[in-house]
N, C-alpha and C. Protein backbone atom coordinates (compact mmCIF):
# COMPACT_ATOMS: atom_id res chain seq x y z
N MET A 1 -2.60 -4.02 -4.67
CA MET A 1 -3.63 -5.02 -4.76
C MET A 1 -3.05 -6.42 -4.95
N LEU A 2 -1.92 -6.51 -5.57
CA LEU A 2 -1.28 -7.82 -5.79
C LEU A 2 -0.04 -7.89 -4.91
N SER A 3 -0.28 -8.00 -3.62
CA SER A 3 0.81 -7.83 -2.66
C SER A 3 1.39 -9.13 -2.12
N TRP A 4 1.09 -10.26 -2.74
CA TRP A 4 1.66 -11.51 -2.25
C TRP A 4 2.86 -11.90 -3.11
N PRO A 5 3.77 -12.67 -2.56
CA PRO A 5 4.98 -13.06 -3.30
C PRO A 5 4.63 -13.78 -4.60
N GLY A 6 5.26 -13.35 -5.67
CA GLY A 6 5.07 -13.99 -6.96
C GLY A 6 3.88 -13.48 -7.75
N ALA A 7 3.12 -12.52 -7.19
CA ALA A 7 1.94 -12.03 -7.89
C ALA A 7 2.29 -11.31 -9.18
N THR A 8 3.42 -10.67 -9.18
CA THR A 8 3.90 -9.99 -10.38
C THR A 8 5.33 -10.42 -10.66
N THR A 9 5.76 -10.19 -11.88
CA THR A 9 7.11 -10.59 -12.27
C THR A 9 7.78 -9.41 -12.95
N GLU A 10 8.95 -9.10 -12.51
CA GLU A 10 9.74 -8.04 -13.12
C GLU A 10 10.60 -8.65 -14.22
N LEU A 11 10.58 -8.02 -15.37
CA LEU A 11 11.40 -8.45 -16.49
C LEU A 11 12.35 -7.34 -16.88
N SER A 12 13.42 -7.72 -17.50
CA SER A 12 14.38 -6.75 -18.00
C SER A 12 13.72 -5.82 -19.02
N GLU A 13 14.22 -4.63 -19.11
CA GLU A 13 13.74 -3.71 -20.15
C GLU A 13 14.33 -4.04 -21.51
N GLU A 14 15.36 -4.85 -21.51
CA GLU A 14 15.97 -5.30 -22.77
C GLU A 14 15.14 -6.45 -23.34
N PRO A 15 14.58 -6.29 -24.53
CA PRO A 15 13.69 -7.32 -25.08
C PRO A 15 14.30 -8.71 -25.15
N GLU A 16 15.55 -8.82 -25.54
CA GLU A 16 16.17 -10.14 -25.67
C GLU A 16 16.32 -10.81 -24.30
N ILE A 17 16.71 -10.03 -23.32
CA ILE A 17 16.88 -10.56 -21.97
C ILE A 17 15.51 -10.93 -21.39
N ALA A 18 14.52 -10.07 -21.60
CA ALA A 18 13.17 -10.35 -21.10
C ALA A 18 12.62 -11.63 -21.73
N ALA A 19 12.87 -11.83 -23.02
CA ALA A 19 12.41 -13.05 -23.69
C ALA A 19 13.07 -14.28 -23.08
N ASP A 20 14.37 -14.18 -22.80
CA ASP A 20 15.07 -15.29 -22.15
C ASP A 20 14.50 -15.56 -20.75
N GLN A 21 14.22 -14.50 -20.01
CA GLN A 21 13.64 -14.66 -18.67
C GLN A 21 12.28 -15.36 -18.74
N LEU A 22 11.49 -14.97 -19.72
CA LEU A 22 10.18 -15.62 -19.88
C LEU A 22 10.32 -17.09 -20.24
N ARG A 23 11.26 -17.42 -21.11
CA ARG A 23 11.48 -18.82 -21.48
C ARG A 23 11.85 -19.66 -20.26
N VAL A 24 12.71 -19.11 -19.42
CA VAL A 24 13.12 -19.82 -18.21
C VAL A 24 11.91 -20.03 -17.29
N MET A 25 11.12 -18.98 -17.10
CA MET A 25 9.94 -19.09 -16.23
C MET A 25 8.94 -20.09 -16.79
N LEU A 26 8.70 -20.06 -18.08
CA LEU A 26 7.72 -20.95 -18.69
C LEU A 26 8.17 -22.41 -18.68
N ALA A 27 9.46 -22.63 -18.56
CA ALA A 27 9.97 -24.00 -18.51
C ALA A 27 9.83 -24.62 -17.12
N ASP A 28 9.57 -23.80 -16.12
CA ASP A 28 9.47 -24.28 -14.74
C ASP A 28 8.01 -24.55 -14.39
N ASN A 29 7.48 -25.66 -14.91
CA ASN A 29 6.06 -25.98 -14.72
C ASN A 29 5.67 -26.14 -13.26
N ASP A 30 6.53 -26.73 -12.45
CA ASP A 30 6.20 -26.91 -11.04
C ASP A 30 5.97 -25.57 -10.35
N HIS A 31 6.86 -24.63 -10.60
CA HIS A 31 6.73 -23.30 -10.00
C HIS A 31 5.48 -22.60 -10.52
N LEU A 32 5.22 -22.70 -11.82
CA LEU A 32 4.04 -22.07 -12.38
C LEU A 32 2.76 -22.62 -11.76
N GLU A 33 2.70 -23.92 -11.57
CA GLU A 33 1.52 -24.53 -10.96
C GLU A 33 1.35 -24.07 -9.52
N GLU A 34 2.45 -24.03 -8.78
CA GLU A 34 2.40 -23.56 -7.39
C GLU A 34 1.92 -22.11 -7.34
N GLN A 35 2.44 -21.27 -8.21
CA GLN A 35 2.05 -19.87 -8.22
C GLN A 35 0.60 -19.71 -8.64
N ARG A 36 0.13 -20.54 -9.57
CA ARG A 36 -1.26 -20.49 -9.99
C ARG A 36 -2.19 -20.75 -8.81
N ILE A 37 -1.86 -21.75 -8.01
CA ILE A 37 -2.69 -22.10 -6.86
C ILE A 37 -2.67 -20.96 -5.83
N ILE A 38 -1.51 -20.40 -5.59
CA ILE A 38 -1.41 -19.26 -4.67
C ILE A 38 -2.24 -18.10 -5.18
N ASN A 39 -2.15 -17.81 -6.46
CA ASN A 39 -2.91 -16.69 -7.04
C ASN A 39 -4.40 -16.90 -6.89
N ILE A 40 -4.88 -18.11 -7.13
CA ILE A 40 -6.31 -18.40 -6.98
C ILE A 40 -6.74 -18.16 -5.54
N SER A 41 -5.98 -18.69 -4.60
CA SER A 41 -6.31 -18.52 -3.19
C SER A 41 -6.34 -17.05 -2.80
N GLU A 42 -5.34 -16.31 -3.22
CA GLU A 42 -5.27 -14.89 -2.87
C GLU A 42 -6.41 -14.10 -3.49
N MET A 43 -6.75 -14.40 -4.73
CA MET A 43 -7.85 -13.68 -5.37
C MET A 43 -9.17 -13.97 -4.68
N ILE A 44 -9.39 -15.23 -4.29
CA ILE A 44 -10.64 -15.58 -3.60
C ILE A 44 -10.71 -14.87 -2.24
N THR A 45 -9.61 -14.90 -1.50
CA THR A 45 -9.67 -14.37 -0.13
C THR A 45 -9.48 -12.86 -0.04
N ARG A 46 -9.06 -12.21 -1.13
CA ARG A 46 -8.83 -10.76 -1.07
C ARG A 46 -9.68 -9.94 -2.02
N HIS A 47 -10.02 -10.49 -3.18
CA HIS A 47 -10.56 -9.63 -4.24
C HIS A 47 -11.98 -9.94 -4.67
N ASP A 48 -12.65 -10.85 -4.03
CA ASP A 48 -14.05 -11.11 -4.36
C ASP A 48 -14.88 -9.86 -4.02
N TRP A 49 -15.87 -9.57 -4.81
CA TRP A 49 -16.70 -8.39 -4.61
C TRP A 49 -17.38 -8.36 -3.25
N ARG A 50 -17.62 -9.51 -2.68
CA ARG A 50 -18.30 -9.52 -1.38
C ARG A 50 -17.47 -8.82 -0.30
N HIS A 51 -16.15 -8.91 -0.40
CA HIS A 51 -15.29 -8.17 0.53
C HIS A 51 -15.49 -6.66 0.35
N ARG A 52 -15.63 -6.24 -0.87
CA ARG A 52 -15.81 -4.83 -1.16
C ARG A 52 -17.17 -4.33 -0.71
N ILE A 53 -18.18 -5.16 -0.83
CA ILE A 53 -19.51 -4.77 -0.37
C ILE A 53 -19.50 -4.52 1.14
N VAL A 54 -18.83 -5.40 1.88
CA VAL A 54 -18.72 -5.21 3.33
C VAL A 54 -18.00 -3.90 3.64
N GLU A 55 -16.90 -3.64 2.95
CA GLU A 55 -16.15 -2.40 3.17
C GLU A 55 -17.00 -1.18 2.82
N PHE A 56 -17.72 -1.24 1.72
CA PHE A 56 -18.60 -0.14 1.33
C PHE A 56 -19.65 0.12 2.41
N CYS A 57 -20.25 -0.93 2.93
CA CYS A 57 -21.25 -0.77 4.00
C CYS A 57 -20.63 -0.11 5.22
N ARG A 58 -19.44 -0.53 5.57
CA ARG A 58 -18.77 0.08 6.73
C ARG A 58 -18.47 1.56 6.49
N LEU A 59 -17.97 1.88 5.30
CA LEU A 59 -17.61 3.27 4.99
C LEU A 59 -18.83 4.18 4.95
N THR A 60 -19.96 3.64 4.56
CA THR A 60 -21.17 4.46 4.43
C THR A 60 -22.13 4.28 5.61
N ALA A 61 -21.69 3.55 6.62
CA ALA A 61 -22.49 3.30 7.82
C ALA A 61 -23.82 2.59 7.51
N LEU A 62 -23.80 1.78 6.46
CA LEU A 62 -24.97 0.97 6.14
C LEU A 62 -24.80 -0.40 6.78
N PRO A 63 -25.90 -1.07 7.09
CA PRO A 63 -25.77 -2.41 7.66
C PRO A 63 -25.23 -3.40 6.63
N VAL A 64 -24.38 -4.28 7.09
CA VAL A 64 -23.84 -5.33 6.23
C VAL A 64 -24.91 -6.40 6.10
N PRO A 65 -25.28 -6.76 4.87
CA PRO A 65 -26.29 -7.81 4.71
C PRO A 65 -25.87 -9.10 5.42
N ALA A 66 -26.77 -9.67 6.17
CA ALA A 66 -26.46 -10.85 6.98
C ALA A 66 -25.94 -12.00 6.14
N GLU A 67 -26.43 -12.13 4.92
CA GLU A 67 -26.03 -13.24 4.05
C GLU A 67 -24.53 -13.21 3.73
N LEU A 68 -23.94 -12.04 3.77
CA LEU A 68 -22.53 -11.94 3.42
C LEU A 68 -21.62 -12.67 4.40
N GLY A 69 -22.03 -12.77 5.65
CA GLY A 69 -21.21 -13.48 6.64
C GLY A 69 -20.94 -14.92 6.23
N ASP A 70 -22.00 -15.62 5.84
CA ASP A 70 -21.84 -17.01 5.39
C ASP A 70 -21.03 -17.09 4.11
N ASP A 71 -21.30 -16.16 3.19
CA ASP A 71 -20.56 -16.15 1.92
C ASP A 71 -19.07 -15.95 2.16
N LEU A 72 -18.73 -15.00 3.02
CA LEU A 72 -17.32 -14.71 3.29
C LEU A 72 -16.64 -15.88 3.98
N GLU A 73 -17.37 -16.55 4.86
CA GLU A 73 -16.80 -17.74 5.52
C GLU A 73 -16.50 -18.83 4.49
N ARG A 74 -17.43 -19.03 3.56
CA ARG A 74 -17.20 -20.02 2.51
C ARG A 74 -16.03 -19.63 1.62
N LEU A 75 -15.89 -18.34 1.34
CA LEU A 75 -14.75 -17.88 0.55
C LEU A 75 -13.44 -18.18 1.26
N GLU A 76 -13.39 -17.92 2.56
CA GLU A 76 -12.19 -18.22 3.34
C GLU A 76 -11.85 -19.70 3.27
N GLN A 77 -12.87 -20.53 3.40
CA GLN A 77 -12.64 -21.98 3.35
C GLN A 77 -12.18 -22.41 1.96
N LEU A 78 -12.78 -21.82 0.93
CA LEU A 78 -12.38 -22.15 -0.43
C LEU A 78 -10.94 -21.69 -0.69
N GLY A 79 -10.61 -20.49 -0.27
CA GLY A 79 -9.24 -20.00 -0.43
C GLY A 79 -8.24 -20.87 0.30
N ALA A 80 -8.60 -21.29 1.51
CA ALA A 80 -7.72 -22.14 2.31
C ALA A 80 -7.55 -23.51 1.65
N SER A 81 -8.57 -23.98 0.97
CA SER A 81 -8.45 -25.29 0.31
C SER A 81 -7.41 -25.25 -0.81
N TYR A 82 -7.25 -24.12 -1.45
CA TYR A 82 -6.22 -23.99 -2.47
C TYR A 82 -4.84 -23.88 -1.83
N THR A 83 -4.76 -23.11 -0.74
CA THR A 83 -3.48 -22.94 -0.04
C THR A 83 -2.95 -24.29 0.44
N CYS A 84 -3.84 -25.15 0.92
CA CYS A 84 -3.43 -26.47 1.41
C CYS A 84 -2.87 -27.34 0.28
N ALA A 85 -3.26 -27.04 -0.94
CA ALA A 85 -2.81 -27.84 -2.08
C ALA A 85 -1.35 -27.57 -2.42
N VAL A 86 -0.82 -26.44 -1.95
CA VAL A 86 0.55 -26.07 -2.29
C VAL A 86 1.54 -26.82 -1.50
């Protein structure tokens, strides 16, 4: 579900090393801000419930509510607006 670069972070199993890794990551504000924007865009374009409703309708052979088309288009535009900010 979190398949984009930077969505998750691997840390050492050694607590002291993991703490040092976290300190380094937290000190890199530019990277954190960039990753935050990417995460917002990815969540909007992949994980909004409206995407799941469409998939559920397809799986159960139910009609997709017409209103979802406009909603999904707006989600795509909103997600793209965050991507452009990076």
